[in-house]
Amino acid sequence: MKTMVLLGLLVAGCGGGVGAAGTLVGAACDVDAQCVHRCVRGDSHYPGGICSLTCRSDADCPGGSSCVDDANGICAVNCLANDHCAGFGRGFSCDEIDRIAGGVKATVCRVK
């Protein structure tokens, strides 16, 4: 058990990051093992799968991402304009969506 916890901390400490290649939040994936936390699959806004983590508020998400109301609450990469999402390919653009906890909408990279 200690080995798994240390391995998780090591992977998180080595980066992963947030963005189109971020294995913490944003990278394309097919299986959980390709991500720091999990691969979200089966959501039409993230075709082909996307690395993320489950959240209940923005406080659960790393910097550069917001907790949005997709897939029952996941962290998604923030953006200000469509060109910020170009690295994601697959039809991604900057889209406004409800945050899982409500309040001001978030703008994140996803397929509309």
PDB file of N, CA and C in Angstrom:
ATOM      1  N   MET A   1       0.821  -1.193   0.000  1.00  0.00           N
ATOM      2  CA  MET A   1       0.000   0.000   0.000  1.00  0.00           C
ATOM      3  C   MET A   1       0.867   1.259   0.000  1.00  0.00           C
ATOM      4  N   LYS A   2       1.916   1.276   0.845  1.00  0.00           N
ATOM      5  CA  LYS A   2       2.803   2.439   0.889  1.00  0.00           C
ATOM      6  C   LYS A   2       3.454   2.675  -0.462  1.00  0.00           C
ATOM      7  N   THR A   3       3.813   1.576  -1.147  1.00  0.00           N
ATOM      8  CA  THR A   3       4.448   1.693  -2.454  1.00  0.00           C
ATOM      9  C   THR A   3       3.511   2.385  -3.441  1.00  0.00           C
ATOM     10  N   MET A   4       2.222   2.031  -3.426  1.00  0.00           N
ATOM     11  CA  MET A   4       1.258   2.647  -4.338  1.00  0.00           C
ATOM     12  C   MET A   4       1.100   4.138  -4.036  1.00  0.00           C
ATOM     13  N   VAL A   5       1.053   4.510  -2.763  1.00  0.00           N
ATOM     14  CA  VAL A   5       0.927   5.911  -2.389  1.00  0.00           C
ATOM     15  C   VAL A   5       2.161   6.677  -2.830  1.00  0.00           C
ATOM     16  N   LEU A   6       3.349   6.122  -2.576  1.00  0.00           N
ATOM     17  CA  LEU A   6       4.584   6.779  -2.987  1.00  0.00           C
ATOM     18  C   LEU A   6       4.668   6.903  -4.498  1.00  0.00           C
ATOM     19  N   LEU A   7       4.242   5.860  -5.199  1.00  0.00           N
ATOM     20  CA  LEU A   7       4.250   5.906  -6.655  1.00  0.00           C
ATOM     21  C   LEU A   7       3.311   7.004  -7.154  1.00  0.00           C
ATOM     22  N   GLY A   8       2.114   7.118  -6.560  1.00  0.00           N
ATOM     23  CA  GLY A   8       1.171   8.166  -6.932  1.00  0.00           C
ATOM     24  C   GLY A   8       1.748   9.546  -6.692  1.00  0.00           C
ATOM     25  N   LEU A   9       2.410   9.744  -5.554  1.00  0.00           N
ATOM     26  CA  LEU A   9       3.028  11.030  -5.252  1.00  0.00           C
ATOM     27  C   LEU A   9       4.166  11.323  -6.216  1.00  0.00           C
ATOM     28  N   LEU A  10       4.934  10.313  -6.558  1.00  0.00           N
ATOM     29  CA  LEU A  10       6.041  10.482  -7.493  1.00  0.00           C
ATOM     30  C   LEU A  10       5.529  10.906  -8.864  1.00  0.00           C
ATOM     31  N   VAL A  11       4.489  10.234  -9.361  1.00  0.00           N
ATOM     32  CA  VAL A  11       3.919  10.580 -10.660  1.00  0.00           C
ATOM     33  C   VAL A  11       3.377  11.998 -10.632  1.00  0.00           C
ATOM     34  N   ALA A  12       2.638  12.336  -9.576  1.00  0.00           N
ATOM     35  CA  ALA A  12       2.087  13.697  -9.471  1.00  0.00           C
ATOM     36  C   ALA A  12       3.204  14.721  -9.349  1.00  0.00           C
ATOM     37  N   GLY A  13       4.247  14.393  -8.613  1.00  0.00           N
ATOM     38  CA  GLY A  13       5.363  15.307  -8.423  1.00  0.00           C
ATOM     39  C   GLY A  13       6.186  15.508  -9.677  1.00  0.00           C
ATOM     40  N   CYS A  14       6.177  14.526 -10.561  1.00  0.00           N
ATOM     41  CA  CYS A  14       6.944  14.622 -11.796  1.00  0.00           C
ATOM     42  C   CYS A  14       6.226  15.443 -12.848  1.00  0.00           C
ATOM     43  N   GLY A  15       5.054  15.867 -12.551  1.00  0.00           N
ATOM     44  CA  GLY A  15       4.363  16.707 -13.505  1.00  0.00           C
ATOM     45  C   GLY A  15       3.060  16.098 -13.915  1.00  0.00           C
ATOM     46  N   GLY A  16       2.899  15.955 -15.172  1.00  0.00           N
ATOM     47  CA  GLY A  16       1.615  15.552 -15.695  1.00  0.00           C
ATOM     48  C   GLY A  16       1.009  16.763 -16.350  1.00  0.00           C
ATOM     49  N   GLY A  17       0.834  17.804 -15.559  1.00  0.00           N
ATOM     50  CA  GLY A  17       0.428  19.096 -16.065  1.00  0.00           C
ATOM     51  C   GLY A  17      -1.003  19.204 -16.528  1.00  0.00           C
ATOM     52  N   VAL A  18      -1.328  20.416 -16.946  1.00  0.00           N
ATOM     53  CA  VAL A  18      -2.652  20.769 -17.430  1.00  0.00           C
ATOM     54  C   VAL A  18      -2.483  21.352 -18.826  1.00  0.00           C
ATOM     55  N   GLY A  19      -3.203  20.827 -19.782  1.00  0.00           N
ATOM     56  CA  GLY A  19      -3.127  21.300 -21.167  1.00  0.00           C
ATOM     57  C   GLY A  19      -3.313  20.143 -22.118  1.00  0.00           C
ATOM     58  N   ALA A  20      -3.117  20.403 -23.388  1.00  0.00           N
ATOM     59  CA  ALA A  20      -3.359  19.395 -24.421  1.00  0.00           C
ATOM     60  C   ALA A  20      -2.521  18.132 -24.237  1.00  0.00           C
ATOM     61  N   ALA A  21      -1.355  18.248 -23.629  1.00  0.00           N
ATOM     62  CA  ALA A  21      -0.506  17.083 -23.380  1.00  0.00           C
ATOM     63  C   ALA A  21      -0.455  16.728 -21.899  1.00  0.00           C
ATOM     64  N   GLY A  22      -1.292  17.363 -21.090  1.00  0.00           N
ATOM     65  CA  GLY A  22      -1.260  17.185 -19.638  1.00  0.00           C
ATOM     66  C   GLY A  22      -1.907  15.893 -19.181  1.00  0.00           C
ATOM     67  N   THR A  23      -1.111  15.000 -18.620  1.00  0.00           N
ATOM     68  CA  THR A  23      -1.659  13.735 -18.136  1.00  0.00           C
ATOM     69  C   THR A  23      -2.406  13.903 -16.815  1.00  0.00           C
ATOM     70  N   LEU A  24      -2.346  15.091 -16.221  1.00  0.00           N
ATOM     71  CA  LEU A  24      -3.166  15.399 -15.052  1.00  0.00           C
ATOM     72  C   LEU A  24      -4.557  15.818 -15.537  1.00  0.00           C
ATOM     73  N   VAL A  25      -4.619  16.828 -16.423  1.00  0.00           N
ATOM     74  CA  VAL A  25      -5.880  17.279 -17.031  1.00  0.00           C
ATOM     75  C   VAL A  25      -5.610  17.702 -18.467  1.00  0.00           C
ATOM     76  N   GLY A  26      -6.244  17.029 -19.410  1.00  0.00           N
ATOM     77  CA  GLY A  26      -6.222  17.493 -20.790  1.00  0.00           C
ATOM     78  C   GLY A  26      -5.758  16.546 -21.861  1.00  0.00           C
ATOM     79  N   ALA A  27      -4.832  15.656 -21.587  1.00  0.00           N
ATOM     80  CA  ALA A  27      -4.293  14.793 -22.634  1.00  0.00           C
ATOM     81  C   ALA A  27      -5.333  13.797 -23.134  1.00  0.00           C
ATOM     82  N   ALA A  28      -5.228  13.445 -24.401  1.00  0.00           N
ATOM     83  CA  ALA A  28      -6.073  12.392 -24.958  1.00  0.00           C
ATOM     84  C   ALA A  28      -5.666  11.066 -24.320  1.00  0.00           C
ATOM     85  N   CYS A  29      -6.629  10.180 -24.115  1.00  0.00           N
ATOM     86  CA  CYS A  29      -6.330   8.893 -23.479  1.00  0.00           C
ATOM     87  C   CYS A  29      -7.337   7.839 -23.904  1.00  0.00           C
ATOM     88  N   ASP A  30      -6.933   6.594 -23.703  1.00  0.00           N
ATOM     89  CA  ASP A  30      -7.816   5.452 -23.932  1.00  0.00           C
ATOM     90  C   ASP A  30      -8.110   4.710 -22.630  1.00  0.00           C
ATOM     91  N   VAL A  31      -7.147   4.747 -21.699  1.00  0.00           N
ATOM     92  CA  VAL A  31      -7.275   4.007 -20.433  1.00  0.00           C
ATOM     93  C   VAL A  31      -6.720   4.848 -19.287  1.00  0.00           C
ATOM     94  N   ASP A  32      -7.160   4.552 -18.069  1.00  0.00           N
ATOM     95  CA  ASP A  32      -6.724   5.287 -16.884  1.00  0.00           C
ATOM     96  C   ASP A  32      -5.205   5.323 -16.728  1.00  0.00           C
ATOM     97  N   ALA A  33      -4.523   4.249 -17.101  1.00  0.00           N
ATOM     98  CA  ALA A  33      -3.070   4.164 -16.917  1.00  0.00           C
ATOM     99  C   ALA A  33      -2.307   5.234 -17.690  1.00  0.00           C
ATOM    100  N   GLN A  34      -2.924   5.875 -18.655  1.00  0.00           N
ATOM    101  CA  GLN A  34      -2.272   6.939 -19.422  1.00  0.00           C
ATOM    102  C   GLN A  34      -2.350   8.291 -18.719  1.00  0.00           C
ATOM    103  N   CYS A  35      -3.053   8.349 -17.604  1.00  0.00           N
ATOM    104  CA  CYS A  35      -3.309   9.601 -16.895  1.00  0.00           C
ATOM    105  C   CYS A  35      -2.838   9.508 -15.451  1.00  0.00           C
ATOM    106  N   VAL A  36      -2.622  10.656 -14.824  1.00  0.00           N
ATOM    107  CA  VAL A  36      -2.262  10.681 -13.411  1.00  0.00           C
ATOM    108  C   VAL A  36      -3.420  10.138 -12.578  1.00  0.00           C
ATOM    109  N   HIS A  37      -4.667  10.532 -12.915  1.00  0.00           N
ATOM    110  CA  HIS A  37      -5.827  10.088 -12.136  1.00  0.00           C
ATOM    111  C   HIS A  37      -6.736   9.157 -12.911  1.00  0.00           C
ATOM    112  N   ARG A  38      -7.404   9.661 -13.951  1.00  0.00           N
ATOM    113  CA  ARG A  38      -8.345   8.824 -14.683  1.00  0.00           C
ATOM    114  C   ARG A  38      -8.538   9.324 -16.109  1.00  0.00           C
ATOM    115  N   CYS A  39      -9.018   8.433 -16.947  1.00  0.00           N
ATOM    116  CA  CYS A  39      -9.365   8.756 -18.329  1.00  0.00           C
ATOM    117  C   CYS A  39     -10.880   8.815 -18.422  1.00  0.00           C
ATOM    118  N   VAL A  40     -11.406   9.980 -18.767  1.00  0.00           N
ATOM    119  CA  VAL A  40     -12.850  10.151 -18.937  1.00  0.00           C
ATOM    120  C   VAL A  40     -13.195   9.744 -20.361  1.00  0.00           C
ATOM    121  N   ARG A  41     -14.020   8.732 -20.506  1.00  0.00           N
ATOM    122  CA  ARG A  41     -14.411   8.232 -21.827  1.00  0.00           C
ATOM    123  C   ARG A  41     -15.929   8.260 -21.954  1.00  0.00           C
ATOM    124  N   GLY A  42     -16.408   8.310 -23.165  1.00  0.00           N
ATOM    125  CA  GLY A  42     -17.836   8.209 -23.413  1.00  0.00           C
ATOM    126  C   GLY A  42     -18.592   9.520 -23.289  1.00  0.00           C
ATOM    127  N   ASP A  43     -17.895  10.645 -23.194  1.00  0.00           N
ATOM    128  CA  ASP A  43     -18.553  11.948 -23.145  1.00  0.00           C
ATOM    129  C   ASP A  43     -18.311  12.626 -24.491  1.00  0.00           C
ATOM    130  N   SER A  44     -19.381  13.014 -25.167  1.00  0.00           N
ATOM    131  CA  SER A  44     -19.259  13.577 -26.516  1.00  0.00           C
ATOM    132  C   SER A  44     -18.478  14.884 -26.555  1.00  0.00           C
ATOM    133  N   HIS A  45     -18.326  15.555 -25.423  1.00  0.00           N
ATOM    134  CA  HIS A  45     -17.563  16.798 -25.390  1.00  0.00           C
ATOM    135  C   HIS A  45     -16.056  16.551 -25.341  1.00  0.00           C
ATOM    136  N   TYR A  46     -15.653  15.308 -25.096  1.00  0.00           N
ATOM    137  CA  TYR A  46     -14.239  14.932 -25.015  1.00  0.00           C
ATOM    138  C   TYR A  46     -14.034  13.650 -25.808  1.00  0.00           C
ATOM    139  N   PRO A  47     -14.207  13.719 -27.133  1.00  0.00           N
ATOM    140  CA  PRO A  47     -14.130  12.510 -27.956  1.00  0.00           C
ATOM    141  C   PRO A  47     -12.762  11.838 -27.863  1.00  0.00           C
ATOM    142  N   GLY A  48     -12.788  10.533 -27.804  1.00  0.00           N
ATOM    143  CA  GLY A  48     -11.546   9.775 -27.723  1.00  0.00           C
ATOM    144  C   GLY A  48     -10.991   9.684 -26.323  1.00  0.00           C
ATOM    145  N   GLY A  49     -11.591  10.364 -25.364  1.00  0.00           N
ATOM    146  CA  GLY A  49     -11.131  10.307 -23.975  1.00  0.00           C
ATOM    147  C   GLY A  49     -10.221  11.465 -23.624  1.00  0.00           C
ATOM    148  N   ILE A  50     -10.247  11.852 -22.349  1.00  0.00           N
ATOM    149  CA  ILE A  50      -9.422  12.952 -21.861  1.00  0.00           C
ATOM    150  C   ILE A  50      -9.001  12.670 -20.415  1.00  0.00           C
ATOM    151  N   CYS A  51      -7.746  12.954 -20.096  1.00  0.00           N
ATOM    152  CA  CYS A  51      -7.269  12.802 -18.725  1.00  0.00           C
ATOM    153  C   CYS A  51      -7.904  13.870 -17.842  1.00  0.00           C
ATOM    154  N   SER A  52      -8.378  13.468 -16.679  1.00  0.00           N
ATOM    155  CA  SER A  52      -8.993  14.411 -15.766  1.00  0.00           C
ATOM    156  C   SER A  52      -9.047  13.805 -14.374  1.00  0.00           C
ATOM    157  N   LEU A  53      -9.790  14.459 -13.498  1.00  0.00           N
ATOM    158  CA  LEU A  53     -10.095  13.914 -12.192  1.00  0.00           C
ATOM    159  C   LEU A  53     -11.492  14.364 -11.806  1.00  0.00           C
ATOM    160  N   THR A  54     -12.119  13.594 -10.962  1.00  0.00           N
ATOM    161  CA  THR A  54     -13.460  13.904 -10.489  1.00  0.00           C
ATOM    162  C   THR A  54     -13.377  15.072  -9.520  1.00  0.00           C
ATOM    163  N   CYS A  55     -14.373  15.965  -9.576  1.00  0.00           N
ATOM    164  CA  CYS A  55     -14.353  17.137  -8.704  1.00  0.00           C
ATOM    165  C   CYS A  55     -15.763  17.513  -8.264  1.00  0.00           C
ATOM    166  N   ARG A  56     -15.808  18.304  -7.202  1.00  0.00           N
ATOM    167  CA  ARG A  56     -17.071  18.859  -6.709  1.00  0.00           C
ATOM    168  C   ARG A  56     -17.024  20.386  -6.700  1.00  0.00           C
ATOM    169  N   SER A  57     -15.812  20.951  -6.849  1.00  0.00           N
ATOM    170  CA  SER A  57     -15.632  22.400  -6.940  1.00  0.00           C
ATOM    171  C   SER A  57     -14.279  22.685  -7.577  1.00  0.00           C
ATOM    172  N   ASP A  58     -14.037  23.946  -7.941  1.00  0.00           N
ATOM    173  CA  ASP A  58     -12.753  24.325  -8.530  1.00  0.00           C
ATOM    174  C   ASP A  58     -11.584  24.013  -7.599  1.00  0.00           C
ATOM    175  N   ALA A  59     -11.830  24.007  -6.296  1.00  0.00           N
ATOM    176  CA  ALA A  59     -10.766  23.719  -5.334  1.00  0.00           C
ATOM    177  C   ALA A  59     -10.199  22.313  -5.510  1.00  0.00           C
ATOM    178  N   ASP A  60     -10.953  21.406  -6.140  1.00  0.00           N
ATOM    179  CA  ASP A  60     -10.494  20.037  -6.381  1.00  0.00           C
ATOM    180  C   ASP A  60      -9.643  19.930  -7.639  1.00  0.00           C
ATOM    181  N   CYS A  61      -9.554  21.012  -8.419  1.00  0.00           N
ATOM    182  CA  CYS A  61      -8.857  20.984  -9.711  1.00  0.00           C
ATOM    183  C   CYS A  61      -7.524  21.719  -9.628  1.00  0.00           C
ATOM    184  N   PRO A  62      -6.534  21.251 -10.412  1.00  0.00           N
ATOM    185  CA  PRO A  62      -5.252  21.959 -10.449  1.00  0.00           C
ATOM    186  C   PRO A  62      -5.384  23.294 -11.167  1.00  0.00           C
ATOM    187  N   GLY A  63      -4.448  24.199 -10.928  1.00  0.00           N
ATOM    188  CA  GLY A  63      -4.422  25.496 -11.599  1.00  0.00           C
ATOM    189  C   GLY A  63      -4.508  25.337 -13.104  1.00  0.00           C
ATOM    190  N   GLY A  64      -5.247  26.220 -13.736  1.00  0.00           N
ATOM    191  CA  GLY A  64      -5.408  26.159 -15.177  1.00  0.00           C
ATOM    192  C   GLY A  64      -6.592  25.312 -15.610  1.00  0.00           C
ATOM    193  N   SER A  65      -7.361  24.819 -14.630  1.00  0.00           N
ATOM    194  CA  SER A  65      -8.543  24.027 -14.956  1.00  0.00           C
ATOM    195  C   SER A  65      -9.682  24.400 -14.015  1.00  0.00           C
ATOM    196  N   SER A  66     -10.900  24.057 -14.428  1.00  0.00           N
ATOM    197  CA  SER A  66     -12.103  24.341 -13.644  1.00  0.00           C
ATOM    198  C   SER A  66     -12.935  23.075 -13.516  1.00  0.00           C
ATOM    199  N   CYS A  67     -13.711  22.990 -12.455  1.00  0.00           N
ATOM    200  CA  CYS A  67     -14.618  21.871 -12.219  1.00  0.00           C
ATOM    201  C   CYS A  67     -15.923  22.145 -12.951  1.00  0.00           C
ATOM    202  N   VAL A  68     -16.185  21.399 -14.014  1.00  0.00           N
ATOM    203  CA  VAL A  68     -17.337  21.650 -14.860  1.00  0.00           C
ATOM    204  C   VAL A  68     -18.365  20.525 -14.786  1.00  0.00           C
ATOM    205  N   ASP A  69     -19.562  20.855 -15.239  1.00  0.00           N
ATOM    206  CA  ASP A  69     -20.699  19.942 -15.174  1.00  0.00           C
ATOM    207  C   ASP A  69     -20.736  19.020 -16.386  1.00  0.00           C
ATOM    208  N   ASP A  70     -19.654  18.327 -16.642  1.00  0.00           N
ATOM    209  CA  ASP A  70     -19.574  17.265 -17.650  1.00  0.00           C
ATOM    210  C   ASP A  70     -19.196  15.992 -16.910  1.00  0.00           C
ATOM    211  N   ALA A  71     -19.671  14.850 -17.378  1.00  0.00           N
ATOM    212  CA  ALA A  71     -19.317  13.547 -16.808  1.00  0.00           C
ATOM    213  C   ALA A  71     -19.451  13.523 -15.281  1.00  0.00           C
ATOM    214  N   ASN A  72     -20.505  14.157 -14.763  1.00  0.00           N
ATOM    215  CA  ASN A  72     -20.779  14.196 -13.314  1.00  0.00           C
ATOM    216  C   ASN A  72     -19.722  14.941 -12.514  1.00  0.00           C
ATOM    217  N   GLY A  73     -19.040  15.894 -13.132  1.00  0.00           N
ATOM    218  CA  GLY A  73     -18.056  16.733 -12.456  1.00  0.00           C
ATOM    219  C   GLY A  73     -16.630  16.318 -12.729  1.00  0.00           C
ATOM    220  N   ILE A  74     -16.003  16.987 -13.681  1.00  0.00           N
ATOM    221  CA  ILE A  74     -14.592  16.735 -13.995  1.00  0.00           C
ATOM    222  C   ILE A  74     -13.856  18.069 -14.149  1.00  0.00           C
ATOM    223  N   CYS A  75     -12.557  18.017 -13.986  1.00  0.00           N
ATOM    224  CA  CYS A  75     -11.709  19.179 -14.233  1.00  0.00           C
ATOM    225  C   CYS A  75     -11.443  19.257 -15.735  1.00  0.00           C
ATOM    226  N   ALA A  76     -11.606  20.450 -16.295  1.00  0.00           N
ATOM    227  CA  ALA A  76     -11.350  20.677 -17.715  1.00  0.00           C
ATOM    228  C   ALA A  76     -10.443  21.893 -17.858  1.00  0.00           C
ATOM    229  N   VAL A  77      -9.664  21.914 -18.925  1.00  0.00           N
ATOM    230  CA  VAL A  77      -8.662  22.949 -19.163  1.00  0.00           C
ATOM    231  C   VAL A  77      -9.323  24.289 -19.498  1.00  0.00           C
ATOM    232  N   ASN A  78      -8.949  25.334 -18.776  1.00  0.00           N
ATOM    233  CA  ASN A  78      -9.463  26.686 -19.011  1.00  0.00           C
ATOM    234  C   ASN A  78      -8.927  27.265 -20.315  1.00  0.00           C
ATOM    235  N   CYS A  79      -9.681  28.203 -20.887  1.00  0.00           N
ATOM    236  CA  CYS A  79      -9.269  28.899 -22.099  1.00  0.00           C
ATOM    237  C   CYS A  79      -9.899  30.277 -22.128  1.00  0.00           C
ATOM    238  N   LEU A  80      -9.364  31.135 -22.984  1.00  0.00           N
ATOM    239  CA  LEU A  80      -9.935  32.465 -23.195  1.00  0.00           C
ATOM    240  C   LEU A  80     -10.402  32.653 -24.635  1.00  0.00           C
ATOM    241  N   ALA A  81      -9.853  31.854 -25.551  1.00  0.00           N
ATOM    242  CA  ALA A  81     -10.186  31.964 -26.971  1.00  0.00           C
ATOM    243  C   ALA A  81      -9.989  30.609 -27.639  1.00  0.00           C
ATOM    244  N   ASN A  82     -10.598  30.423 -28.801  1.00  0.00           N
ATOM    245  CA  ASN A  82     -10.522  29.146 -29.515  1.00  0.00           C
ATOM    246  C   ASN A  82      -9.093  28.713 -29.807  1.00  0.00           C
ATOM    247  N   ASP A  83      -8.202  29.664 -30.105  1.00  0.00           N
ATOM    248  CA  ASP A  83      -6.829  29.268 -30.432  1.00  0.00           C
ATOM    249  C   ASP A  83      -6.110  28.657 -29.231  1.00  0.00           C
ATOM    250  N   HIS A  84      -6.595  28.890 -28.022  1.00  0.00           N
ATOM    251  CA  HIS A  84      -6.006  28.248 -26.835  1.00  0.00           C
ATOM    252  C   HIS A  84      -6.284  26.749 -26.825  1.00  0.00           C
ATOM    253  N   CYS A  85      -7.232  26.305 -27.628  1.00  0.00           N
ATOM    254  CA  CYS A  85      -7.619  24.893 -27.657  1.00  0.00           C
ATOM    255  C   CYS A  85      -7.083  24.162 -28.882  1.00  0.00           C
ATOM    256  N   ALA A  86      -6.320  24.834 -29.718  1.00  0.00           N
ATOM    257  CA  ALA A  86      -5.838  24.254 -30.972  1.00  0.00           C
ATOM    258  C   ALA A  86      -5.037  22.976 -30.752  1.00  0.00           C
ATOM    259  N   GLY A  87      -4.279  22.889 -29.673  1.00  0.00           N
ATOM    260  CA  GLY A  87      -3.458  21.707 -29.404  1.00  0.00           C
ATOM    261  C   GLY A  87      -4.258  20.456 -29.125  1.00  0.00           C
ATOM    262  N   PHE A  88      -5.525  20.602 -28.795  1.00  0.00           N
ATOM    263  CA  PHE A  88      -6.364  19.445 -28.507  1.00  0.00           C
ATOM    264  C   PHE A  88      -6.842  18.760 -29.777  1.00  0.00           C
ATOM    265  N   GLY A  89      -6.889  19.508 -30.908  1.00  0.00           N
ATOM    266  CA  GLY A  89      -7.384  18.936 -32.159  1.00  0.00           C
ATOM    267  C   GLY A  89      -8.809  18.444 -31.989  1.00  0.00           C
ATOM    268  N   ARG A  90      -9.176  17.433 -32.711  1.00  0.00           N
ATOM    269  CA  ARG A  90     -10.435  16.703 -32.569  1.00  0.00           C
ATOM    270  C   ARG A  90     -11.663  17.607 -32.452  1.00  0.00           C
ATOM    271  N   GLY A  91     -11.643  18.826 -32.997  1.00  0.00           N
ATOM    272  CA  GLY A  91     -12.805  19.708 -32.975  1.00  0.00           C
ATOM    273  C   GLY A  91     -12.993  20.510 -31.706  1.00  0.00           C
ATOM    274  N   PHE A  92     -11.977  20.572 -30.860  1.00  0.00           N
ATOM    275  CA  PHE A  92     -12.080  21.312 -29.604  1.00  0.00           C
ATOM    276  C   PHE A  92     -12.110  22.817 -29.858  1.00  0.00           C
ATOM    277  N   SER A  93     -12.879  23.532 -29.041  1.00  0.00           N
ATOM    278  CA  SER A  93     -12.900  24.985 -29.058  1.00  0.00           C
ATOM    279  C   SER A  93     -13.169  25.469 -27.639  1.00  0.00           C
ATOM    280  N   CYS A  94     -13.043  26.767 -27.439  1.00  0.00           N
ATOM    281  CA  CYS A  94     -13.266  27.360 -26.127  1.00  0.00           C
ATOM    282  C   CYS A  94     -14.775  27.522 -25.944  1.00  0.00           C
ATOM    283  N   ASP A  95     -15.327  26.847 -24.951  1.00  0.00           N
ATOM    284  CA  ASP A  95     -16.772  26.796 -24.761  1.00  0.00           C
ATOM    285  C   ASP A  95     -17.135  27.165 -23.330  1.00  0.00           C
ATOM    286  N   GLU A  96     -18.238  27.881 -23.186  1.00  0.00           N
ATOM    287  CA  GLU A  96     -18.716  28.267 -21.864  1.00  0.00           C
ATOM    288  C   GLU A  96     -19.636  27.172 -21.322  1.00  0.00           C
ATOM    289  N   ILE A  97     -19.414  26.791 -20.069  1.00  0.00           N
ATOM    290  CA  ILE A  97     -20.181  25.701 -19.461  1.00  0.00           C
ATOM    291  C   ILE A  97     -20.406  25.996 -17.983  1.00  0.00           C
ATOM    292  N   ASP A  98     -21.456  25.406 -17.432  1.00  0.00           N
ATOM    293  CA  ASP A  98     -21.723  25.545 -16.006  1.00  0.00           C
ATOM    294  C   ASP A  98     -20.649  24.854 -15.180  1.00  0.00           C
ATOM    295  N   ARG A  99     -20.277  25.494 -14.101  1.00  0.00           N
ATOM    296  CA  ARG A  99     -19.404  24.848 -13.117  1.00  0.00           C
ATOM    297  C   ARG A  99     -20.266  23.878 -12.321  1.00  0.00           C
ATOM    298  N   ILE A 100     -19.682  22.807 -11.830  1.00  0.00           N
ATOM    299  CA  ILE A 100     -20.431  21.804 -11.089  1.00  0.00           C
ATOM    300  C   ILE A 100     -21.056  22.402  -9.825  1.00  0.00           C
ATOM    301  N   ALA A 101     -20.400  23.383  -9.213  1.00  0.00           N
ATOM    302  CA  ALA A 101     -20.902  23.994  -7.978  1.00  0.00           C
ATOM    303  C   ALA A 101     -21.768  25.225  -8.248  1.00  0.00           C
ATOM    304  N   GLY A 102     -22.019  25.533  -9.526  1.00  0.00           N
ATOM    305  CA  GLY A 102     -22.817  26.700  -9.873  1.00  0.00           C
ATOM    306  C   GLY A 102     -21.981  27.963  -9.902  1.00  0.00           C
ATOM    307  N   GLY A 103     -22.635  29.092  -9.958  1.00  0.00           N
ATOM    308  CA  GLY A 103     -21.930  30.368 -10.007  1.00  0.00           C
ATOM    309  C   GLY A 103     -21.583  30.758 -11.427  1.00  0.00           C
ATOM    310  N   VAL A 104     -20.532  31.553 -11.560  1.00  0.00           N
ATOM    311  CA  VAL A 104     -20.086  32.045 -12.865  1.00  0.00           C
ATOM    312  C   VAL A 104     -19.668  30.863 -13.740  1.00  0.00           C
ATOM    313  N   LYS A 105     -20.081  30.887 -15.001  1.00  0.00           N
ATOM    314  CA  LYS A 105     -19.722  29.809 -15.928  1.00  0.00           C
ATOM    315  C   LYS A 105     -18.207  29.798 -16.153  1.00  0.00           C
ATOM    316  N   ALA A 106     -17.705  28.625 -16.503  1.00  0.00           N
ATOM    317  CA  ALA A 106     -16.290  28.459 -16.835  1.00  0.00           C
ATOM    318  C   ALA A 106     -16.160  28.387 -18.354  1.00  0.00           C
ATOM    319  N   THR A 107     -15.031  28.830 -18.885  1.00  0.00           N
ATOM    320  CA  THR A 107     -14.735  28.628 -20.298  1.00  0.00           C
ATOM    321  C   THR A 107     -13.599  27.624 -20.367  1.00  0.00           C
ATOM    322  N   VAL A 108     -13.865  26.500 -21.057  1.00  0.00           N
ATOM    323  CA  VAL A 108     -12.921  25.395 -21.111  1.00  0.00           C
ATOM    324  C   VAL A 108     -12.838  24.845 -22.533  1.00  0.00           C
ATOM    325  N   CYS A 109     -11.766  24.139 -22.798  1.00  0.00           N
ATOM    326  CA  CYS A 109     -11.582  23.487 -24.093  1.00  0.00           C
ATOM    327  C   CYS A 109     -12.390  22.192 -24.118  1.00  0.00           C
ATOM    328  N   ARG A 110     -13.322  22.121 -25.074  1.00  0.00           N
ATOM    329  CA  ARG A 110     -14.128  20.914 -25.262  1.00  0.00           C
ATOM    330  C   ARG A 110     -14.816  21.008 -26.618  1.00  0.00           C
ATOM    331  N   VAL A 111     -15.393  19.926 -27.074  1.00  0.00           N
ATOM    332  CA  VAL A 111     -16.147  19.904 -28.316  1.00  0.00           C
ATOM    333  C   VAL A 111     -17.578  20.324 -27.986  1.00  0.00           C
ATOM    334  N   LYS A 112     -18.100  21.265 -28.745  1.00  0.00           N
ATOM    335  CA  LYS A 112     -19.468  21.773 -28.487  1.00  0.00           C
ATOM    336  C   LYS A 112     -20.509  20.780 -28.919  1.00  0.00           C
TER     337      LYS A 112
END
